[in-house]
Amino acid sequence: MKSSYTIIIQWSEEDQCYVVSLPEWGEHCHTHGDTHEEALKNAQEVLELLIESALNNHEPLPKPQLFGKTLERV
């Protein structure tokens, strides 16, 4: 499933792995991986599950952040 959501991947010295943030889904929405590739794969899987869950529960999807666009805050 293709989505336009933000995936931020950063190395964590403390955890000794790549930590992934999915900011549109809330500040506590994270995953990780031992390699950059694994972290990205895990992030894509989590995004698919989040989207599927929201749709199944008839919940609105968060608006994707777009590069170069100012976010509207509610």
Protein backbone atom coordinates (compact mmCIF):
# COMPACT_ATOMS: atom_id res chain seq x y z
CA MET A 1 0.00 0.00 0.00
CA LYS A 2 1.41 3.38 -0.99
CA SER A 3 0.97 6.23 1.45
CA SER A 4 2.25 9.78 1.74
CA TYR A 5 2.99 9.75 5.46
CA THR A 6 6.25 10.96 6.97
CA ILE A 7 8.82 8.39 8.07
CA ILE A 8 11.75 9.73 10.12
CA ILE A 9 14.63 7.30 10.66
CA GLN A 10 17.40 8.19 13.11
CA TRP A 11 20.25 6.22 14.66
CA SER A 12 19.98 5.87 18.44
CA GLU A 13 23.29 5.48 20.27
CA GLU A 14 21.38 4.61 23.44
CA ASP A 15 19.37 1.82 21.80
CA GLN A 16 22.02 0.82 19.24
CA CYS A 17 19.42 0.64 16.48
CA TYR A 18 17.56 2.83 14.02
CA VAL A 19 14.47 4.39 15.61
CA VAL A 20 11.56 5.37 13.39
CA SER A 21 9.01 8.10 14.13
CA LEU A 22 5.67 8.39 12.35
CA PRO A 23 4.72 11.97 13.33
CA GLU A 24 1.26 12.19 11.75
CA TRP A 25 0.16 9.31 13.97
CA GLY A 26 1.20 10.90 17.28
CA GLU A 27 4.33 11.49 19.29
CA HIS A 28 4.38 7.96 20.70
CA CYS A 29 4.13 6.16 17.36
CA HIS A 30 7.53 4.53 16.83
CA THR A 31 9.17 1.38 15.56
CA HIS A 32 12.80 0.39 15.03
CA GLY A 33 15.25 -1.83 13.17
CA ASP A 34 18.83 -3.02 13.40
CA THR A 35 19.53 -1.68 9.90
CA HIS A 36 18.16 1.31 8.01
CA GLU A 37 16.46 -1.07 5.57
CA GLU A 38 14.83 -3.07 8.38
CA ALA A 39 13.65 0.14 10.07
CA LEU A 40 12.04 1.33 6.82
CA LYS A 41 10.38 -2.06 6.24
CA ASN A 42 9.01 -2.05 9.79
CA ALA A 43 7.75 1.52 9.38
CA GLN A 44 5.89 0.61 6.19
CA GLU A 45 4.30 -2.39 7.91
CA VAL A 46 3.23 -0.28 10.89
CA LEU A 47 1.76 2.37 8.59
CA GLU A 48 -0.26 -0.26 6.74
CA LEU A 49 -1.62 -1.58 10.03
CA LEU A 50 -2.46 1.93 11.29
CA ILE A 51 -4.29 2.82 8.07
CA GLU A 52 -6.14 -0.50 7.97
CA SER A 53 -7.17 -0.20 11.61
CA ALA A 54 -8.43 3.38 11.19
CA LEU A 55 -10.44 2.45 8.09
CA ASN A 56 -11.92 -0.65 9.75
CA ASN A 57 -12.94 1.45 12.76
CA HIS A 58 -14.37 4.23 10.55
CA GLU A 59 -11.87 6.70 12.04
CA PRO A 60 -10.49 9.60 10.01
CA LEU A 61 -6.93 9.25 8.72
CA PRO A 62 -4.48 11.97 9.74
CA LYS A 63 -3.63 14.45 7.03
CA PRO A 64 -0.16 13.72 5.59
CA GLN A 65 2.49 16.40 6.05
CA LEU A 66 3.71 17.65 2.70
CA PHE A 67 7.25 18.86 2.03
CA GLY A 68 7.33 22.65 1.78
CA LYS A 69 3.79 23.09 3.13
CA THR A 70 2.87 24.71 6.42
CA LEU A 71 0.90 22.40 8.65
CA GLU A 72 -2.50 23.48 9.83
CA ARG A 73 -2.91 22.88 13.54
CA VAL A 74 -6.32 22.10 14.95
